[in-house]
């Protein structure tokens, strides 16, 4: 399953690493691809993601989740 996240505040490689590391901690997440220019994150997972868990992971990385699609 693929989920697209809009995340504000990401500007560099450190941002990419922080967001990726936090999202990979979520159960079922198999891959994370960050697009800094589009402020988006594509998450591949085995099943639907819990929106609250995703928002918490993004917050832990120091950024703000603005939408999930």
C-alpha atoms as a PDB file:
ATOM      1  CA  UNK A   1       0.000   0.000   0.000  1.00  0.00           C
ATOM      2  CA  UNK A   2       1.269   3.474  -0.831  1.00  0.00           C
ATOM      3  CA  UNK A   3       0.486   6.618   1.166  1.00  0.00           C
ATOM      4  CA  UNK A   4       1.491  10.156   0.207  1.00  0.00           C
ATOM      5  CA  UNK A   5       2.165  12.607   3.032  1.00  0.00           C
ATOM      6  CA  UNK A   6       2.554  16.360   2.817  1.00  0.00           C
ATOM      7  CA  UNK A   7       5.090  17.522   5.387  1.00  0.00           C
ATOM      8  CA  UNK A   8       6.104  21.121   6.043  1.00  0.00           C
ATOM      9  CA  UNK A   9       9.522  22.301   7.180  1.00  0.00           C
ATOM     10  CA  UNK A  10      11.786  19.829   5.390  1.00  0.00           C
ATOM     11  CA  UNK A  11      14.705  21.528   3.623  1.00  0.00           C
ATOM     12  CA  UNK A  12      17.801  19.310   3.669  1.00  0.00           C
ATOM     13  CA  UNK A  13      19.333  15.857   3.880  1.00  0.00           C
ATOM     14  CA  UNK A  14      19.103  15.893   7.672  1.00  0.00           C
ATOM     15  CA  UNK A  15      15.356  16.504   7.377  1.00  0.00           C
ATOM     16  CA  UNK A  16      15.064  13.595   4.977  1.00  0.00           C
ATOM     17  CA  UNK A  17      16.993  11.286   7.308  1.00  0.00           C
ATOM     18  CA  UNK A  18      15.013  12.288  10.398  1.00  0.00           C
ATOM     19  CA  UNK A  19      11.617  11.788   8.744  1.00  0.00           C
ATOM     20  CA  UNK A  20      12.680   8.504   7.155  1.00  0.00           C
ATOM     21  CA  UNK A  21      14.023   7.112  10.434  1.00  0.00           C
ATOM     22  CA  UNK A  22      10.856   7.943  12.376  1.00  0.00           C
ATOM     23  CA  UNK A  23       8.474   6.561   9.742  1.00  0.00           C
ATOM     24  CA  UNK A  24      10.455   3.323   9.401  1.00  0.00           C
ATOM     25  CA  UNK A  25       9.780   2.684  13.101  1.00  0.00           C
ATOM     26  CA  UNK A  26       6.045   2.308  12.373  1.00  0.00           C
ATOM     27  CA  UNK A  27       4.692  -1.230  12.132  1.00  0.00           C
ATOM     28  CA  UNK A  28       4.348  -2.437   8.551  1.00  0.00           C
ATOM     29  CA  UNK A  29       6.324   0.383   6.881  1.00  0.00           C
ATOM     30  CA  UNK A  30       8.632  -1.111   4.244  1.00  0.00           C
ATOM     31  CA  UNK A  31       9.953   1.944   2.384  1.00  0.00           C
ATOM     32  CA  UNK A  32      10.050   5.731   2.721  1.00  0.00           C
ATOM     33  CA  UNK A  33      10.901   8.174  -0.089  1.00  0.00           C
ATOM     34  CA  UNK A  34      11.216  11.890   0.716  1.00  0.00           C
ATOM     35  CA  UNK A  35      10.845  14.565  -1.975  1.00  0.00           C
ATOM     36  CA  UNK A  36      12.203  17.786  -0.467  1.00  0.00           C
ATOM     37  CA  UNK A  37      11.212  20.002  -3.406  1.00  0.00           C
ATOM     38  CA  UNK A  38       7.572  18.870  -3.239  1.00  0.00           C
ATOM     39  CA  UNK A  39       7.457  18.674   0.590  1.00  0.00           C
ATOM     40  CA  UNK A  40       6.084  15.166   0.216  1.00  0.00           C
ATOM     41  CA  UNK A  41       6.857  11.736   1.574  1.00  0.00           C
ATOM     42  CA  UNK A  42       5.799   8.492  -0.093  1.00  0.00           C
ATOM     43  CA  UNK A  43       5.390   5.655   2.385  1.00  0.00           C
ATOM     44  CA  UNK A  44       5.030   2.034   1.329  1.00  0.00           C
ATOM     45  CA  UNK A  45       3.485  -0.257   3.908  1.00  0.00           C
ATOM     46  CA  UNK A  46       1.981  -3.693   4.306  1.00  0.00           C
ATOM     47  CA  UNK A  47      -1.396  -2.246   5.386  1.00  0.00           C
ATOM     48  CA  UNK A  48      -3.154   1.058   6.039  1.00  0.00           C
ATOM     49  CA  UNK A  49      -1.269   3.437   8.281  1.00  0.00           C
ATOM     50  CA  UNK A  50      -2.723   4.838  11.475  1.00  0.00           C
ATOM     51  CA  UNK A  51      -2.996   8.618  10.848  1.00  0.00           C
ATOM     52  CA  UNK A  52      -2.312   9.418  14.505  1.00  0.00           C
ATOM     53  CA  UNK A  53       0.840   7.277  14.518  1.00  0.00           C
ATOM     54  CA  UNK A  54       2.023   8.921  11.293  1.00  0.00           C
ATOM     55  CA  UNK A  55       1.427  12.421  12.685  1.00  0.00           C
ATOM     56  CA  UNK A  56       3.276  11.497  15.880  1.00  0.00           C
ATOM     57  CA  UNK A  57       6.249  10.122  13.918  1.00  0.00           C
ATOM     58  CA  UNK A  58       6.480  13.272  11.803  1.00  0.00           C
ATOM     59  CA  UNK A  59       6.228  15.402  14.955  1.00  0.00           C
ATOM     60  CA  UNK A  60       8.985  13.357  16.628  1.00  0.00           C
ATOM     61  CA  UNK A  61      11.200  14.107  13.641  1.00  0.00           C
ATOM     62  CA  UNK A  62      10.532  17.805  14.182  1.00  0.00           C
ATOM     63  CA  UNK A  63       8.187  18.547  11.283  1.00  0.00           C
ATOM     64  CA  UNK A  64       4.476  19.022  10.667  1.00  0.00           C
ATOM     65  CA  UNK A  65       2.182  16.646   8.812  1.00  0.00           C
ATOM     66  CA  UNK A  66      -0.175  18.773   6.701  1.00  0.00           C
ATOM     67  CA  UNK A  67      -2.091  16.049   4.823  1.00  0.00           C
ATOM     68  CA  UNK A  68      -2.347  12.322   4.103  1.00  0.00           C
ATOM     69  CA  UNK A  69      -3.584  10.914   0.806  1.00  0.00           C
END
